[in-house]
Amino acid sequence: MRLDGFEGVCMRTTNGSMGEFGPELRRRRLAAGLTLTRLAELLNYSKGHLSKIERGQKVPQLELARRCDAQFGAGGELEMLAPPDQRPGAGAAGPVPDEEPLLLRVDRDGVRWPGGLGRRQLLAAGASSALGLGVAGAAGAGRAAAVPTGSDASPAEIFRTQLDHMRLLGQSTDPELLLPMLTVQTHTLRELALQAVAVDRVRLLGLAARYAEFAGWMAQEAGDNASALWWTSSAVELAEAAGDRDLGPYALVRRALVTLYAGDAVATVGLVAPVADDDRLPPRIRGLAAQREAQGHALFGDRTASLRSLDRARELFTQSAAHGGDGPALGTSNLTDPAAMVTGWCLYDLGRPAQAADVLDRECAGLPAHAVRTRARYGLRRALAHAAAGEVEHACALASQLLPLVAAFRSATIVTDVVRLDRELSRFRAVQVVRDLQPELAAVLHPRH
């Protein structure tokens, strides 16, 4: 397995001590001929704060350590001297569980229902899914295909169209509201497949797998990683029953998203590196894996490996576009250039917020209006980059447009960047625009139920 020197980097994490960061920062600053005032200007931190860090009176936050690394071209050495609880993987939400979620239940027919919902509640949710379909159609405004109205419309065609609507609805809806509908649709497709002839059975099982995969994403957005992984495993089983062996490797990409948001860079790269390297897989799956690999390397501060993985992802996405496909696209379908957008994401994690802001400004301008969740995800990362680059007023203006959306549709993953934005802006509490933004930040970070 190719981990691009992770073992050596990991060994450095055990040797560093929190008392070494300040003196090493001072040594590098003096060697570069920088005054403390000038370094403070370059990093967008106060001179007093940096002075206390150099003297060992304050603990450096991870974001500051990464910016210092980028400023001095230290190749991750300064970051490795940050306190252990500031390094990638520390503060993660614990190991990613392999078992089924605790709320999973089995009914008298042996059917497993996630979320503790019974058959009656799920049937009611199934009835409401027709209403949801209408809402999604209105939200789509021509984006999703119309449900076939002819008498020859097959169940597979109808459910395929409904999946488009569900994915569209998922851009602007609380994920917990969608999960019961997705559960019903997945179970219905499985039951229909058991009664269908061979050709239809394969297509219905394949669609059930895609519903389950989307349910996994919505479960993660709802903050339930255990259910997310269970749904993804179920999607793999359904896909294999349909003769599709490609969803299994893609499940590793999905699992790596859980470890990425948990802050575990090593696990993220370890999960997806073999997928990105496997030339037997479709180029889109390999491209998504390379993209996730780049994010893992960025999280660990390895700029060279991150940009190399992004270059490979770009090549694979180009191959995939040329190859085409008639099924629902795996991963997001709202980014015209996924590798470019994720480059901006990675540059922030690599301690280069100004460069990240430039890339994200350009790429966010091309996001479609209906992709609310996607616009909030990358838009808040964009605001975070501007804040870290010292453009506080612009960052607050961007965040003010997006935070009400996040509070409305909920996203456990997007909230991680809201936390970082709140921490970044906390250094500028005296600025009026920052004070004005506090109620909107609080509405997302401390929602009232």
Protein backbone atom coordinates (compact mmCIF):
# COMPACT_ATOMS: atom_id res chain seq x y z
CA MET A 1 0.00 0.00 0.00
CA ARG A 2 1.42 3.38 -1.01
CA LEU A 3 1.33 5.93 1.81
CA ASP A 4 3.96 8.38 0.45
CA GLY A 5 6.21 8.45 3.48
CA PHE A 6 3.46 8.43 6.10
CA GLU A 7 5.41 6.03 8.30
CA GLY A 8 8.30 8.47 8.63
CA VAL A 9 5.95 11.36 9.30
CA CYS A 10 4.05 9.34 11.90
CA MET A 11 7.31 8.51 13.68
CA ARG A 12 8.08 12.22 13.90
CA THR A 13 4.77 12.77 15.69
CA THR A 14 5.94 10.60 18.57
CA ASN A 15 9.24 12.46 18.95
CA GLY A 16 7.99 16.05 19.06
CA SER A 17 7.19 17.83 22.28
CA MET A 18 4.91 20.80 22.77
CA GLY A 19 7.78 22.83 24.29
CA GLU A 20 9.79 22.65 21.07
CA PHE A 21 7.40 24.50 18.75
CA GLY A 22 8.01 28.03 20.07
CA PRO A 23 11.82 27.92 20.01
CA GLU A 24 11.83 26.28 16.57
CA LEU A 25 9.44 28.91 15.22
CA ARG A 26 11.69 31.65 16.58
CA ARG A 27 14.80 30.00 15.09
CA ARG A 28 13.21 29.80 11.65
CA ARG A 29 11.87 33.35 11.86
CA LEU A 30 15.28 34.78 12.67
CA ALA A 31 16.96 32.66 10.01
CA ALA A 32 14.51 34.10 7.48
CA GLY A 33 15.29 37.65 8.62
CA LEU A 34 11.72 38.34 9.75
CA THR A 35 10.72 40.50 12.67
CA LEU A 36 7.91 39.32 14.90
CA THR A 37 5.79 42.18 13.59
CA ARG A 38 6.33 41.13 9.97
CA LEU A 39 5.59 37.46 10.69
CA ALA A 40 2.38 38.49 12.45
CA GLU A 41 1.35 40.43 9.32
CA LEU A 42 2.11 37.45 7.06
CA LEU A 43 0.19 34.98 9.22
CA ASN A 44 -2.69 37.32 10.16
CA TYR A 45 -2.08 36.77 13.87
CA SER A 46 -1.30 39.37 16.50
CA LYS A 47 2.31 40.07 17.44
CA GLY A 48 1.49 39.46 21.10
CA HIS A 49 -0.01 36.05 20.36
CA LEU A 50 3.04 34.92 18.38
CA SER A 51 5.37 36.27 21.04
CA LYS A 52 3.65 34.15 23.70
CA ILE A 53 3.86 31.08 21.47
CA GLU A 54 7.58 31.59 20.85
CA ARG A 55 8.12 31.87 24.61
CA GLY A 56 6.04 28.75 25.28
CA GLN A 57 3.30 30.64 27.10
CA LYS A 58 0.59 29.68 24.60
CA VAL A 59 -0.22 26.45 22.79
CA PRO A 60 -0.22 26.77 18.96
CA GLN A 61 -3.45 25.78 17.24
CA LEU A 62 -3.21 23.39 14.29
CA GLU A 63 -4.20 26.09 11.76
CA LEU A 64 -1.37 28.34 12.95
CA ALA A 65 1.16 25.50 12.87
CA ARG A 66 0.20 24.73 9.27
CA ARG A 67 0.49 28.37 8.21
CA CYS A 68 3.93 28.56 9.81
CA ASP A 69 4.92 25.40 7.94
CA ALA A 70 3.75 26.91 4.66
CA GLN A 71 5.42 30.25 5.37
CA PHE A 72 8.83 28.72 6.08
CA GLY A 73 8.57 25.72 3.72
CA ALA A 74 9.15 23.44 6.69
CA GLY A 75 7.61 20.37 5.03
CA GLY A 76 5.42 19.52 8.02
CA GLU A 77 8.20 19.72 10.62
CA LEU A 78 6.63 22.59 12.55
CA GLU A 79 3.23 20.94 12.51
CA MET A 80 4.77 17.81 14.02
CA LEU A 81 5.99 19.90 16.94
CA ALA A 82 2.46 21.04 17.78
CA PRO A 83 0.92 19.46 20.90
CA PRO A 84 -0.34 15.89 20.37
CA ASP A 85 -4.01 16.87 20.75
CA GLN A 86 -3.63 19.34 17.86
CA ARG A 87 -2.32 16.85 15.29
CA PRO A 88 -4.39 15.18 12.58
CA GLY A 89 -6.41 12.34 14.07
CA ALA A 90 -6.36 13.68 17.62
CA GLY A 91 -9.78 14.90 18.60
CA ALA A 92 -11.37 12.51 16.14
CA ALA A 93 -14.68 11.07 17.14
CA GLY A 94 -13.06 7.75 18.07
CA PRO A 95 -12.64 4.71 15.84
CA VAL A 96 -15.09 4.32 12.99
CA PRO A 97 -17.48 1.53 14.02
CA ASP A 98 -17.86 -1.60 11.91
CA GLU A 99 -20.94 -2.92 13.69
CA GLU A 100 -24.55 -2.19 12.86
CA PRO A 101 -26.09 0.91 14.44
CA LEU A 102 -27.63 0.40 17.85
CA LEU A 103 -31.04 1.56 16.65
CA LEU A 104 -31.19 -1.14 14.01
CA ARG A 105 -34.12 -3.49 14.59
CA VAL A 106 -35.41 -6.68 12.94
CA ASP A 107 -39.15 -7.12 12.42
CA ARG A 108 -41.10 -10.38 12.52
CA ASP A 109 -40.39 -10.99 8.83
CA GLY A 110 -36.65 -10.71 9.35
CA VAL A 111 -36.40 -7.32 7.66
CA ARG A 112 -33.81 -4.96 9.23
CA TRP A 113 -34.93 -1.34 9.62
CA PRO A 114 -32.37 1.40 10.44
CA GLY A 115 -33.27 4.19 12.83
CA GLY A 116 -35.65 2.19 15.02
CA LEU A 117 -38.57 2.71 12.62
CA GLY A 118 -41.24 0.04 12.37
CA ARG A 119 -43.17 -1.14 9.33
CA ARG A 120 -46.14 1.13 10.03
CA GLN A 121 -44.01 4.26 10.30
CA LEU A 122 -42.11 3.33 7.17
CA LEU A 123 -45.28 2.73 5.19
CA ALA A 124 -46.48 6.15 6.27
CA ALA A 125 -43.14 7.57 5.19
CA GLY A 126 -43.59 5.82 1.87
CA ALA A 127 -46.92 7.57 1.37
CA SER A 128 -45.27 10.89 2.16
CA SER A 129 -42.52 10.16 -0.36
CA ALA A 130 -45.01 10.84 -3.13
CA LEU A 131 -45.46 14.31 -1.67
CA GLY A 132 -41.70 14.65 -1.38
CA LEU A 133 -41.40 13.73 -5.02
CA GLY A 134 -43.69 16.60 -5.93
CA VAL A 135 -41.68 19.01 -3.79
CA ALA A 136 -38.47 17.84 -5.41
CA GLY A 137 -39.94 18.31 -8.85
CA ALA A 138 -40.88 21.87 -8.02
CA ALA A 139 -37.43 22.50 -6.57
CA GLY A 140 -35.82 21.01 -9.65
CA ALA A 141 -37.53 23.46 -12.03
CA GLY A 142 -36.70 21.37 -15.04
CA ARG A 143 -33.48 19.86 -13.72
CA ALA A 144 -34.85 16.35 -13.03
CA ALA A 145 -36.56 14.29 -15.65
CA ALA A 146 -40.35 13.99 -15.47
CA VAL A 147 -41.83 10.76 -14.15
CA PRO A 148 -42.86 8.61 -17.13
CA THR A 149 -46.63 8.83 -17.59
CA GLY A 150 -47.16 6.17 -20.23
CA SER A 151 -48.74 2.85 -19.33
CA ASP A 152 -45.52 1.06 -20.35
CA ALA A 153 -43.41 2.84 -17.71
CA SER A 154 -41.54 0.13 -15.80
CA PRO A 155 -40.95 0.22 -12.02
CA ALA A 156 -37.22 0.60 -12.70
CA GLU A 157 -37.82 3.72 -14.80
CA ILE A 158 -40.07 5.25 -12.16
CA PHE A 159 -37.66 4.53 -9.29
CA ARG A 160 -34.71 5.78 -11.35
CA THR A 161 -36.49 9.11 -11.82
CA GLN A 162 -37.44 9.23 -8.15
CA LEU A 163 -33.78 8.81 -7.22
CA ASP A 164 -32.95 11.93 -9.24
CA HIS A 165 -35.66 13.78 -7.32
CA MET A 166 -34.42 12.45 -3.99
CA ARG A 167 -30.89 13.58 -4.70
CA LEU A 168 -32.19 16.99 -5.69
CA LEU A 169 -34.29 17.18 -2.54
CA GLY A 170 -31.25 16.19 -0.51
CA GLN A 171 -29.60 19.46 -1.49
CA SER A 172 -32.04 21.54 0.55
CA THR A 173 -33.75 19.23 3.06
CA ASP A 174 -32.97 18.01 6.56
CA PRO A 175 -31.41 14.56 5.95
CA GLU A 176 -33.37 12.99 8.79
CA LEU A 177 -36.57 13.73 6.87
CA LEU A 178 -35.29 11.90 3.80
CA LEU A 179 -33.99 8.78 5.51
CA PRO A 180 -37.40 7.13 6.15
CA MET A 181 -38.36 7.67 2.50
CA LEU A 182 -35.07 6.24 1.29
CA THR A 183 -35.51 3.24 3.58
CA VAL A 184 -38.94 2.50 2.13
CA GLN A 185 -37.74 2.89 -1.46
CA THR A 186 -34.75 0.63 -0.91
CA HIS A 187 -36.86 -2.08 0.70
CA THR A 188 -39.55 -1.81 -2.00
CA LEU A 189 -36.97 -2.17 -4.77
CA ARG A 190 -35.53 -5.24 -3.09
CA GLU A 191 -38.96 -6.83 -2.81
CA LEU A 192 -39.79 -6.01 -6.42
CA ALA A 193 -36.49 -7.54 -7.50
CA LEU A 194 -37.35 -10.81 -5.77
CA GLN A 195 -40.50 -11.03 -7.89
CA ALA A 196 -38.99 -9.85 -11.19
CA VAL A 197 -37.55 -11.75 -14.12
CA ALA A 198 -33.77 -11.95 -14.38
CA VAL A 199 -33.10 -8.83 -16.47
CA ASP A 200 -35.40 -6.59 -14.43
CA ARG A 201 -34.11 -8.11 -11.20
CA VAL A 202 -30.58 -6.95 -11.94
CA ARG A 203 -31.70 -3.40 -12.69
CA LEU A 204 -33.95 -3.19 -9.62
CA LEU A 205 -31.23 -4.50 -7.31
CA GLY A 206 -28.78 -2.02 -8.85
CA LEU A 207 -31.20 0.83 -8.15
CA ALA A 208 -31.74 -0.42 -4.59
CA ALA A 209 -27.97 -0.27 -4.14
CA ARG A 210 -27.90 3.35 -5.28
CA TYR A 211 -30.75 4.28 -2.94
CA ALA A 212 -28.86 2.64 -0.08
CA GLU A 213 -25.65 4.45 -1.03
CA PHE A 214 -27.48 7.79 -1.00
CA ALA A 215 -29.07 6.90 2.34
CA GLY A 216 -25.56 6.39 3.70
CA TRP A 217 -24.60 9.90 2.65
CA MET A 218 -27.74 11.36 4.24
CA ALA A 219 -27.04 9.43 7.46
CA GLN A 220 -23.56 10.94 7.62
CA GLU A 221 -25.01 14.39 7.01
CA ALA A 222 -27.39 13.72 9.92
CA GLY A 223 -24.35 12.98 12.11
CA ASP A 224 -24.85 9.20 12.40
CA ASN A 225 -21.62 7.65 11.13
CA ALA A 226 -22.55 4.15 12.31
CA SER A 227 -25.74 4.17 10.23
CA ALA A 228 -23.86 5.74 7.32
CA LEU A 229 -21.41 2.84 7.24
CA TRP A 230 -24.19 0.27 7.65
CA TRP A 231 -26.10 1.74 4.72
CA THR A 232 -22.96 1.77 2.60
CA SER A 233 -22.29 -1.89 3.41
CA SER A 234 -25.89 -2.69 2.48
CA ALA A 235 -25.42 -0.88 -0.82
CA VAL A 236 -22.38 -3.04 -1.59
CA GLU A 237 -24.34 -6.24 -0.86
CA LEU A 238 -27.21 -5.15 -3.12
CA ALA A 239 -24.82 -4.15 -5.90
CA GLU A 240 -22.99 -7.46 -5.74
CA ALA A 241 -26.32 -9.28 -5.95
CA ALA A 242 -26.87 -7.34 -9.18
CA GLY A 243 -23.45 -8.37 -10.49
CA ASP A 244 -21.87 -4.95 -9.85
CA ARG A 245 -18.44 -5.30 -8.19
CA ASP A 246 -17.50 -1.63 -8.51
CA LEU A 247 -19.58 -0.26 -5.65
CA GLY A 248 -17.40 -2.14 -3.14
CA PRO A 249 -14.28 -0.08 -3.91
CA TYR A 250 -16.41 3.06 -3.98
CA ALA A 251 -17.61 2.19 -0.47
CA LEU A 252 -14.00 2.66 0.65
CA VAL A 253 -14.14 6.21 -0.76
CA ARG A 254 -17.31 6.81 1.27
CA ARG A 255 -15.74 5.31 4.38
CA ALA A 256 -12.70 7.55 3.88
CA LEU A 257 -15.00 10.57 4.03
CA VAL A 258 -15.97 9.52 7.55
CA THR A 259 -12.31 9.22 8.60
CA LEU A 260 -11.49 12.53 6.87
CA TYR A 261 -14.08 14.42 8.89
CA ALA A 262 -12.87 12.57 12.00
CA GLY A 263 -9.44 14.12 11.34
CA ASP A 264 -7.68 10.80 10.66
CA ALA A 265 -5.37 11.54 7.73
CA VAL A 266 -3.53 8.21 7.80
CA ALA A 267 -6.71 6.12 7.71
CA THR A 268 -8.13 8.29 4.93
CA VAL A 269 -5.15 7.75 2.65
CA GLY A 270 -4.86 4.09 3.60
CA LEU A 271 -8.46 3.40 2.59
CA VAL A 272 -8.40 5.03 -0.84
CA ALA A 273 -4.82 4.68 -2.10
CA PRO A 274 -5.38 1.07 -3.32
CA VAL A 275 -8.61 2.13 -5.07
CA ALA A 276 -6.92 5.02 -6.88
CA ASP A 277 -4.15 2.65 -8.00
CA ASP A 278 -6.42 -0.11 -9.33
CA ASP A 279 -6.59 0.33 -13.12
CA ARG A 280 -9.30 -2.36 -13.36
CA LEU A 281 -11.81 0.03 -11.82
CA PRO A 282 -13.84 2.68 -13.68
CA PRO A 283 -11.98 6.00 -13.98
CA ARG A 284 -14.63 7.94 -12.03
CA ILE A 285 -14.29 5.72 -8.96
CA ARG A 286 -10.50 5.97 -9.18
CA GLY A 287 -10.78 9.74 -9.62
CA LEU A 288 -12.98 10.08 -6.54
CA ALA A 289 -10.48 7.95 -4.62
CA ALA A 290 -7.52 10.06 -5.78
CA GLN A 291 -9.39 13.20 -4.80
CA ARG A 292 -10.07 11.86 -1.30
CA GLU A 293 -6.44 10.75 -1.10
CA ALA A 294 -5.40 14.34 -1.86
CA GLN A 295 -7.56 15.59 1.00
CA GLY A 296 -5.97 13.07 3.35
CA HIS A 297 -2.46 14.17 2.36
CA ALA A 298 -3.47 17.82 2.79
CA LEU A 299 -4.83 17.07 6.23
CA PHE A 300 -1.40 15.73 7.12
CA GLY A 301 0.37 18.72 5.58
CA ASP A 302 1.99 16.88 2.66
CA ARG A 303 1.66 19.42 -0.17
CA THR A 304 3.60 17.44 -2.79
CA ALA A 305 1.59 14.25 -2.33
CA SER A 306 -1.69 16.17 -2.17
CA LEU A 307 -1.13 18.06 -5.43
CA ARG A 308 0.10 14.90 -7.13
CA SER A 309 -3.10 13.08 -6.18
CA LEU A 310 -5.17 16.01 -7.44
CA ASP A 311 -3.40 15.90 -10.80
CA ARG A 312 -4.20 12.22 -11.09
CA ALA A 313 -7.82 12.82 -10.09
CA ARG A 314 -8.13 15.43 -12.84
CA GLU A 315 -6.82 13.00 -15.44
CA LEU A 316 -9.17 10.25 -14.29
CA PHE A 317 -12.21 12.56 -14.34
CA THR A 318 -11.31 13.52 -17.91
CA GLN A 319 -11.21 9.84 -18.86
CA SER A 320 -14.52 9.26 -17.14
CA ALA A 321 -16.20 12.12 -19.00
CA ALA A 322 -15.02 10.68 -22.30
CA HIS A 323 -16.27 7.21 -21.35
CA GLY A 324 -19.73 8.42 -20.25
CA GLY A 325 -22.32 6.23 -18.53
CA ASP A 326 -26.07 5.77 -18.32
CA GLY A 327 -26.52 5.32 -14.56
CA PRO A 328 -26.66 7.87 -11.73
CA ALA A 329 -23.22 9.43 -11.24
CA LEU A 330 -21.35 8.29 -8.16
CA GLY A 331 -20.37 11.20 -5.96
CA THR A 332 -21.47 14.76 -6.52
CA SER A 333 -22.81 15.77 -9.91
CA ASN A 334 -22.85 19.50 -9.08
CA LEU A 335 -19.15 20.29 -9.58
CA THR A 336 -18.08 21.07 -13.13
CA ASP A 337 -14.43 20.54 -12.17
CA PRO A 338 -14.27 18.48 -8.94
CA ALA A 339 -10.46 18.39 -8.84
CA ALA A 340 -10.24 22.18 -9.09
CA MET A 341 -12.72 22.73 -6.28
CA VAL A 342 -11.00 20.22 -4.02
CA THR A 343 -7.67 21.90 -4.80
CA GLY A 344 -9.01 24.97 -3.02
CA TRP A 345 -10.18 22.77 -0.14
CA CYS A 346 -6.73 21.19 0.17
CA LEU A 347 -4.82 24.47 -0.05
CA TYR A 348 -6.59 25.68 3.07
CA ASP A 349 -5.62 22.53 4.98
CA LEU A 350 -2.06 22.98 3.70
CA GLY A 351 -1.83 26.37 5.41
CA ARG A 352 -2.22 28.46 2.25
CA PRO A 353 -5.51 30.30 2.86
CA ALA A 354 -4.96 33.14 0.35
CA GLN A 355 -4.35 30.66 -2.48
CA ALA A 356 -7.31 28.60 -1.32
CA ALA A 357 -9.56 31.67 -1.35
CA ASP A 358 -8.55 32.52 -4.94
CA VAL A 359 -9.37 29.01 -6.17
CA LEU A 360 -12.63 28.73 -4.24
CA ASP A 361 -13.76 32.19 -5.41
CA ARG A 362 -13.43 31.04 -8.99
CA GLU A 363 -14.95 27.59 -8.58
CA CYS A 364 -17.88 28.59 -6.34
CA ALA A 365 -19.02 31.07 -8.99
CA GLY A 366 -19.90 28.13 -11.25
CA LEU A 367 -22.06 26.18 -8.79
CA PRO A 368 -25.70 25.75 -9.85
CA ALA A 369 -28.35 27.63 -7.88
CA HIS A 370 -30.28 24.46 -6.94
CA ALA A 371 -27.22 22.83 -5.31
CA VAL A 372 -27.81 24.48 -1.94
CA ARG A 373 -25.94 21.95 0.19
CA THR A 374 -22.97 21.97 -2.18
CA ARG A 375 -22.91 25.78 -2.30
CA ALA A 376 -22.96 25.93 1.51
CA ARG A 377 -20.21 23.30 1.85
CA TYR A 378 -17.68 24.97 -0.44
CA GLY A 379 -18.93 28.49 0.25
CA LEU A 380 -18.19 28.15 3.97
CA ARG A 381 -14.77 26.69 3.22
CA ARG A 382 -14.30 29.77 1.00
CA ALA A 383 -15.34 32.07 3.86
CA LEU A 384 -12.97 30.22 6.17
CA ALA A 385 -10.10 30.73 3.72
CA HIS A 386 -10.80 34.47 3.44
CA ALA A 387 -10.97 34.79 7.22
CA ALA A 388 -7.65 32.98 7.61
CA ALA A 389 -6.14 35.25 4.94
CA GLY A 390 -7.13 38.29 7.02
CA GLU A 391 -10.10 39.36 4.88
CA VAL A 392 -12.48 39.34 7.83
CA GLU A 393 -15.24 41.57 6.45
CA HIS A 394 -15.46 39.60 3.19
CA ALA A 395 -15.48 36.31 5.12
CA CYS A 396 -18.35 37.52 7.29
CA ALA A 397 -20.32 38.71 4.26
CA LEU A 398 -19.98 35.28 2.62
CA ALA A 399 -20.85 33.42 5.80
CA SER A 400 -23.89 35.60 6.48
CA GLN A 401 -25.43 34.45 3.19
CA LEU A 402 -24.83 30.77 3.89
CA LEU A 403 -25.32 30.19 7.62
CA PRO A 404 -29.14 30.47 7.51
CA LEU A 405 -29.16 27.73 4.87
CA VAL A 406 -27.02 25.44 7.04
CA ALA A 407 -29.30 26.04 10.01
CA ALA A 408 -32.31 25.08 7.87
CA PHE A 409 -31.16 21.88 6.13
CA ARG A 410 -28.65 20.67 8.74
CA SER A 411 -25.32 19.08 7.91
CA ALA A 412 -23.01 17.48 10.45
CA THR A 413 -20.12 17.67 7.99
CA ILE A 414 -20.56 21.34 7.07
CA VAL A 415 -20.80 22.25 10.75
CA THR A 416 -17.15 21.17 11.17
CA ASP A 417 -16.11 24.13 9.02
CA VAL A 418 -18.54 26.41 10.86
CA VAL A 419 -16.70 25.47 14.08
CA ARG A 420 -13.39 26.35 12.44
CA LEU A 421 -14.79 29.62 11.12
CA ASP A 422 -16.06 30.56 14.57
CA ARG A 423 -12.63 29.83 16.03
CA GLU A 424 -10.89 31.82 13.29
CA LEU A 425 -13.15 34.82 13.79
CA SER A 426 -12.81 34.68 17.57
CA ARG A 427 -9.52 36.54 17.18
CA PHE A 428 -11.45 39.50 15.75
CA ARG A 429 -14.29 39.84 18.27
CA ALA A 430 -13.74 43.59 18.43
CA VAL A 431 -14.65 43.96 14.74
CA GLN A 432 -18.30 44.95 14.28
CA VAL A 433 -19.03 42.56 11.39
CA VAL A 434 -17.78 39.67 13.50
CA ARG A 435 -20.04 40.65 16.38
CA ASP A 436 -22.96 40.98 13.96
CA LEU A 437 -22.36 37.43 12.71
CA GLN A 438 -22.42 35.83 16.17
CA PRO A 439 -26.19 35.14 16.30
CA GLU A 440 -26.06 33.32 12.95
CA LEU A 441 -23.05 31.28 14.04
CA ALA A 442 -24.82 30.41 17.29
CA ALA A 443 -27.94 29.28 15.42
CA VAL A 444 -25.85 26.67 13.59
CA LEU A 445 -23.53 25.66 16.44
CA HIS A 446 -26.19 25.60 19.15
CA PRO A 447 -29.52 24.83 17.45
CA ARG A 448 -32.72 24.83 19.44
CA HIS A 449 -34.68 21.60 19.12
